[in-house]
């Protein structure tokens, strides 16, 4: 569970950072990468991270 949370978080961060790079360089596909990265973060990463923290017993 911990490894999947870390991998998904790293992947999401890479997609968002790549989207910002594309946006800065005015390359095609920047909007799609930003939307995809934010959607992955909202739909997959945040709930998976919350479940991981809940199971670990340390809910902030």
PDB file of N, CA and C in Angstrom:
ATOM      1  N   UNK A   1       0.819  -1.188   0.000  1.00  0.00           N
ATOM      2  CA  UNK A   1       0.000   0.000   0.000  1.00  0.00           C
ATOM      3  C   UNK A   1       0.869   1.262   0.000  1.00  0.00           C
ATOM      4  N   UNK A   2       1.901   1.266   0.858  1.00  0.00           N
ATOM      5  CA  UNK A   2       2.765   2.433   0.940  1.00  0.00           C
ATOM      6  C   UNK A   2       3.477   2.683  -0.389  1.00  0.00           C
ATOM      7  N   UNK A   3       3.951   1.621  -1.009  1.00  0.00           N
ATOM      8  CA  UNK A   3       4.670   1.766  -2.270  1.00  0.00           C
ATOM      9  C   UNK A   3       3.763   2.291  -3.367  1.00  0.00           C
ATOM     10  N   UNK A   4       2.535   1.815  -3.413  1.00  0.00           N
ATOM     11  CA  UNK A   4       1.609   2.288  -4.446  1.00  0.00           C
ATOM     12  C   UNK A   4       1.265   3.762  -4.241  1.00  0.00           C
ATOM     13  N   UNK A   5       1.139   4.203  -2.987  1.00  0.00           N
ATOM     14  CA  UNK A   5       0.870   5.622  -2.714  1.00  0.00           C
ATOM     15  C   UNK A   5       2.048   6.470  -3.174  1.00  0.00           C
ATOM     16  N   UNK A   6       3.246   6.035  -2.875  1.00  0.00           N
ATOM     17  CA  UNK A   6       4.425   6.801  -3.275  1.00  0.00           C
ATOM     18  C   UNK A   6       4.593   6.852  -4.796  1.00  0.00           C
ATOM     19  N   UNK A   7       4.382   5.730  -5.448  1.00  0.00           N
ATOM     20  CA  UNK A   7       4.516   5.691  -6.908  1.00  0.00           C
ATOM     21  C   UNK A   7       3.463   6.564  -7.571  1.00  0.00           C
ATOM     22  N   UNK A   8       2.215   6.480  -7.104  1.00  0.00           N
ATOM     23  CA  UNK A   8       1.148   7.295  -7.682  1.00  0.00           C
ATOM     24  C   UNK A   8       1.403   8.774  -7.429  1.00  0.00           C
ATOM     25  N   UNK A   9       1.896   9.126  -6.268  1.00  0.00           N
ATOM     26  CA  UNK A   9       2.220  10.520  -5.969  1.00  0.00           C
ATOM     27  C   UNK A   9       3.339  11.046  -6.845  1.00  0.00           C
ATOM     28  N   UNK A  10       4.358  10.241  -7.051  1.00  0.00           N
ATOM     29  CA  UNK A  10       5.468  10.652  -7.908  1.00  0.00           C
ATOM     30  C   UNK A  10       5.009  10.801  -9.360  1.00  0.00           C
ATOM     31  N   UNK A  11       4.185   9.854  -9.821  1.00  0.00           N
ATOM     32  CA  UNK A  11       3.672   9.926 -11.187  1.00  0.00           C
ATOM     33  C   UNK A  11       2.802  11.173 -11.385  1.00  0.00           C
ATOM     34  N   UNK A  12       1.951  11.447 -10.411  1.00  0.00           N
ATOM     35  CA  UNK A  12       1.088  12.623 -10.495  1.00  0.00           C
ATOM     36  C   UNK A  12       1.915  13.902 -10.518  1.00  0.00           C
ATOM     37  N   UNK A  13       2.911  13.979  -9.670  1.00  0.00           N
ATOM     38  CA  UNK A  13       3.773  15.164  -9.639  1.00  0.00           C
ATOM     39  C   UNK A  13       4.515  15.330 -10.964  1.00  0.00           C
ATOM     40  N   UNK A  14       4.991  14.226 -11.537  1.00  0.00           N
ATOM     41  CA  UNK A  14       5.690  14.312 -12.819  1.00  0.00           C
ATOM     42  C   UNK A  14       4.778  14.819 -13.922  1.00  0.00           C
ATOM     43  N   UNK A  15       3.531  14.346 -13.947  1.00  0.00           N
ATOM     44  CA  UNK A  15       2.594  14.777 -14.991  1.00  0.00           C
ATOM     45  C   UNK A  15       2.283  16.263 -14.849  1.00  0.00           C
ATOM     46  N   UNK A  16       2.064  16.728 -13.621  1.00  0.00           N
ATOM     47  CA  UNK A  16       1.753  18.145 -13.412  1.00  0.00           C
ATOM     48  C   UNK A  16       2.958  19.017 -13.756  1.00  0.00           C
ATOM     49  N   UNK A  17       4.143  18.620 -13.328  1.00  0.00           N
ATOM     50  CA  UNK A  17       5.350  19.399 -13.634  1.00  0.00           C
ATOM     51  C   UNK A  17       5.610  19.412 -15.130  1.00  0.00           C
ATOM     52  N   UNK A  18       5.404  18.286 -15.795  1.00  0.00           N
ATOM     53  CA  UNK A  18       5.555  18.240 -17.244  1.00  0.00           C
ATOM     54  C   UNK A  18       4.524  19.142 -17.923  1.00  0.00           C
ATOM     55  N   UNK A  19       3.321  19.194 -17.399  1.00  0.00           N
ATOM     56  CA  UNK A  19       2.292  20.089 -17.932  1.00  0.00           C
ATOM     57  C   UNK A  19       2.692  21.549 -17.789  1.00  0.00           C
ATOM     58  N   UNK A  20       3.263  21.910 -16.634  1.00  0.00           N
ATOM     59  CA  UNK A  20       3.741  23.282 -16.459  1.00  0.00           C
ATOM     60  C   UNK A  20       4.895  23.593 -17.409  1.00  0.00           C
ATOM     61  N   UNK A  21       5.768  22.635 -17.627  1.00  0.00           N
ATOM     62  CA  UNK A  21       6.859  22.838 -18.579  1.00  0.00           C
ATOM     63  C   UNK A  21       6.310  23.063 -19.982  1.00  0.00           C
ATOM     64  N   UNK A  22       5.367  22.221 -20.392  1.00  0.00           N
ATOM     65  CA  UNK A  22       4.763  22.373 -21.707  1.00  0.00           C
ATOM     66  C   UNK A  22       4.062  23.723 -21.821  1.00  0.00           C
ATOM     67  N   UNK A  23       3.386  24.158 -20.759  1.00  0.00           N
ATOM     68  CA  UNK A  23       2.677  25.434 -20.773  1.00  0.00           C
ATOM     69  C   UNK A  23       3.663  26.583 -20.896  1.00  0.00           C
ATOM     70  N   UNK A  24       4.768  26.483 -20.189  1.00  0.00           N
ATOM     71  CA  UNK A  24       5.788  27.532 -20.242  1.00  0.00           C
ATOM     72  C   UNK A  24       6.420  27.627 -21.623  1.00  0.00           C
ATOM     73  N   UNK A  25       6.651  26.480 -22.246  1.00  0.00           N
ATOM     74  CA  UNK A  25       7.290  26.462 -23.563  1.00  0.00           C
ATOM     75  C   UNK A  25       6.284  26.609 -24.712  1.00  0.00           C
ATOM     76  N   UNK A  26       4.992  26.742 -24.386  1.00  0.00           N
ATOM     77  CA  UNK A  26       3.923  26.883 -25.382  1.00  0.00           C
ATOM     78  C   UNK A  26       3.886  25.704 -26.347  1.00  0.00           C
ATOM     79  N   UNK A  27       4.032  24.507 -25.802  1.00  0.00           N
ATOM     80  CA  UNK A  27       3.946  23.298 -26.603  1.00  0.00           C
ATOM     81  C   UNK A  27       2.531  22.731 -26.546  1.00  0.00           C
ATOM     82  N   UNK A  28       2.206  21.945 -27.549  1.00  0.00           N
ATOM     83  CA  UNK A  28       0.873  21.337 -27.598  1.00  0.00           C
ATOM     84  C   UNK A  28       0.740  20.268 -26.515  1.00  0.00           C
ATOM     85  N   UNK A  29      -0.456  20.139 -25.972  1.00  0.00           N
ATOM     86  CA  UNK A  29      -0.723  19.112 -24.977  1.00  0.00           C
ATOM     87  C   UNK A  29      -0.574  19.568 -23.542  1.00  0.00           C
ATOM     88  N   UNK A  30      -0.263  20.826 -23.334  1.00  0.00           N
ATOM     89  CA  UNK A  30      -0.052  21.321 -21.974  1.00  0.00           C
ATOM     90  C   UNK A  30      -1.341  21.267 -21.157  1.00  0.00           C
ATOM     91  N   UNK A  31      -2.429  21.704 -21.744  1.00  0.00           N
ATOM     92  CA  UNK A  31      -3.701  21.707 -21.012  1.00  0.00           C
ATOM     93  C   UNK A  31      -4.120  20.288 -20.636  1.00  0.00           C
ATOM     94  N   UNK A  32      -3.938  19.356 -21.569  1.00  0.00           N
ATOM     95  CA  UNK A  32      -4.310  17.976 -21.298  1.00  0.00           C
ATOM     96  C   UNK A  32      -3.488  17.398 -20.144  1.00  0.00           C
ATOM     97  N   UNK A  33      -2.185  17.678 -20.109  1.00  0.00           N
ATOM     98  CA  UNK A  33      -1.335  17.167 -19.040  1.00  0.00           C
ATOM     99  C   UNK A  33      -1.717  17.759 -17.691  1.00  0.00           C
ATOM    100  N   UNK A  34      -2.011  19.055 -17.657  1.00  0.00           N
ATOM    101  CA  UNK A  34      -2.404  19.666 -16.401  1.00  0.00           C
ATOM    102  C   UNK A  34      -3.733  19.121 -15.890  1.00  0.00           C
ATOM    103  N   UNK A  35      -4.696  18.975 -16.780  1.00  0.00           N
ATOM    104  CA  UNK A  35      -5.989  18.433 -16.375  1.00  0.00           C
ATOM    105  C   UNK A  35      -5.842  16.980 -15.932  1.00  0.00           C
ATOM    106  N   UNK A  36      -5.066  16.206 -16.666  1.00  0.00           N
ATOM    107  CA  UNK A  36      -4.851  14.805 -16.315  1.00  0.00           C
ATOM    108  C   UNK A  36      -4.164  14.681 -14.954  1.00  0.00           C
ATOM    109  N   UNK A  37      -3.148  15.482 -14.724  1.00  0.00           N
ATOM    110  CA  UNK A  37      -2.440  15.431 -13.443  1.00  0.00           C
ATOM    111  C   UNK A  37      -3.325  15.824 -12.273  1.00  0.00           C
ATOM    112  N   UNK A  38      -4.114  16.872 -12.441  1.00  0.00           N
ATOM    113  CA  UNK A  38      -5.020  17.290 -11.361  1.00  0.00           C
ATOM    114  C   UNK A  38      -6.124  16.266 -11.140  1.00  0.00           C
ATOM    115  N   UNK A  39      -6.603  15.651 -12.209  1.00  0.00           N
ATOM    116  CA  UNK A  39      -7.653  14.639 -12.078  1.00  0.00           C
ATOM    117  C   UNK A  39      -7.124  13.396 -11.368  1.00  0.00           C
ATOM    118  N   UNK A  40      -5.924  12.968 -11.712  1.00  0.00           N
ATOM    119  CA  UNK A  40      -5.327  11.808 -11.041  1.00  0.00           C
ATOM    120  C   UNK A  40      -5.128  12.110  -9.555  1.00  0.00           C
ATOM    121  N   UNK A  41      -4.679  13.316  -9.267  1.00  0.00           N
ATOM    122  CA  UNK A  41      -4.469  13.685  -7.869  1.00  0.00           C
ATOM    123  C   UNK A  41      -5.781  13.690  -7.101  1.00  0.00           C
ATOM    124  N   UNK A  42      -6.828  14.236  -7.703  1.00  0.00           N
ATOM    125  CA  UNK A  42      -8.102  14.368  -7.000  1.00  0.00           C
ATOM    126  C   UNK A  42      -8.845  13.042  -6.892  1.00  0.00           C
ATOM    127  N   UNK A  43      -8.820  12.237  -7.938  1.00  0.00           N
ATOM    128  CA  UNK A  43      -9.638  11.029  -7.978  1.00  0.00           C
ATOM    129  C   UNK A  43      -8.922   9.829  -7.366  1.00  0.00           C
ATOM    130  N   UNK A  44      -7.624   9.723  -7.563  1.00  0.00           N
ATOM    131  CA  UNK A  44      -6.902   8.533  -7.098  1.00  0.00           C
ATOM    132  C   UNK A  44      -5.985   8.795  -5.906  1.00  0.00           C
ATOM    133  N   UNK A  45      -5.126   9.819  -6.006  1.00  0.00           N
ATOM    134  CA  UNK A  45      -4.070   9.972  -5.015  1.00  0.00           C
ATOM    135  C   UNK A  45      -4.595  10.385  -3.640  1.00  0.00           C
ATOM    136  N   UNK A  46      -5.448  11.388  -3.584  1.00  0.00           N
ATOM    137  CA  UNK A  46      -5.916  11.881  -2.290  1.00  0.00           C
ATOM    138  C   UNK A  46      -6.701  10.814  -1.524  1.00  0.00           C
ATOM    139  N   UNK A  47      -7.667  10.124  -2.150  1.00  0.00           N
ATOM    140  CA  UNK A  47      -8.355   9.067  -1.391  1.00  0.00           C
ATOM    141  C   UNK A  47      -7.437   7.908  -0.977  1.00  0.00           C
ATOM    142  N   UNK A  48      -6.520   7.513  -1.866  1.00  0.00           N
ATOM    143  CA  UNK A  48      -5.608   6.429  -1.533  1.00  0.00           C
ATOM    144  C   UNK A  48      -4.679   6.829  -0.386  1.00  0.00           C
ATOM    145  N   UNK A  49      -4.229   8.066  -0.384  1.00  0.00           N
ATOM    146  CA  UNK A  49      -3.377   8.563   0.697  1.00  0.00           C
ATOM    147  C   UNK A  49      -4.152   8.640   2.005  1.00  0.00           C
ATOM    148  N   UNK A  50      -5.415   9.043   1.948  1.00  0.00           N
ATOM    149  CA  UNK A  50      -6.238   9.112   3.153  1.00  0.00           C
ATOM    150  C   UNK A  50      -6.460   7.720   3.745  1.00  0.00           C
ATOM    151  N   UNK A  51      -6.715   6.737   2.897  1.00  0.00           N
ATOM    152  CA  UNK A  51      -6.890   5.364   3.377  1.00  0.00           C
ATOM    153  C   UNK A  51      -5.597   4.851   3.983  1.00  0.00           C
ATOM    154  N   UNK A  52      -4.482   5.146   3.353  1.00  0.00           N
ATOM    155  CA  UNK A  52      -3.178   4.726   3.876  1.00  0.00           C
ATOM    156  C   UNK A  52      -2.928   5.331   5.260  1.00  0.00           C
ATOM    157  N   UNK A  53      -3.193   6.625   5.413  1.00  0.00           N
ATOM    158  CA  UNK A  53      -2.984   7.278   6.704  1.00  0.00           C
ATOM    159  C   UNK A  53      -3.957   6.748   7.756  1.00  0.00           C
ATOM    160  N   UNK A  54      -5.196   6.464   7.354  1.00  0.00           N
ATOM    161  CA  UNK A  54      -6.185   5.945   8.302  1.00  0.00           C
ATOM    162  C   UNK A  54      -5.782   4.562   8.803  1.00  0.00           C
ATOM    163  N   UNK A  55      -5.319   3.721   7.894  1.00  0.00           N
ATOM    164  CA  UNK A  55      -4.890   2.377   8.288  1.00  0.00           C
ATOM    165  C   UNK A  55      -3.638   2.413   9.144  1.00  0.00           C
ATOM    166  N   UNK A  56      -2.809   3.397   8.899  1.00  0.00           N
ATOM    167  CA  UNK A  56      -1.584   3.529   9.690  1.00  0.00           C
ATOM    168  C   UNK A  56      -1.898   4.031  11.101  1.00  0.00           C
ATOM    169  N   UNK A  57      -3.020   4.727  11.252  1.00  0.00           N
ATOM    170  CA  UNK A  57      -3.425   5.176  12.565  1.00  0.00           C
ATOM    171  C   UNK A  57      -3.042   6.593  12.900  1.00  0.00           C
ATOM    172  N   UNK A  58      -2.567   7.329  11.935  1.00  0.00           N
ATOM    173  CA  UNK A  58      -2.161   8.711  12.176  1.00  0.00           C
ATOM    174  C   UNK A  58      -2.938   9.625  11.248  1.00  0.00           C
ATOM    175  N   UNK A  59      -4.126   9.947  11.612  1.00  0.00           N
ATOM    176  CA  UNK A  59      -4.908  10.891  10.817  1.00  0.00           C
ATOM    177  C   UNK A  59      -4.608  12.280  11.357  1.00  0.00           C
ATOM    178  N   UNK A  60      -4.129  13.152  10.476  1.00  0.00           N
ATOM    179  CA  UNK A  60      -3.780  14.509  10.906  1.00  0.00           C
ATOM    180  C   UNK A  60      -5.025  15.241  11.118  1.00  0.00           C
TER     181      UNK A  60
END
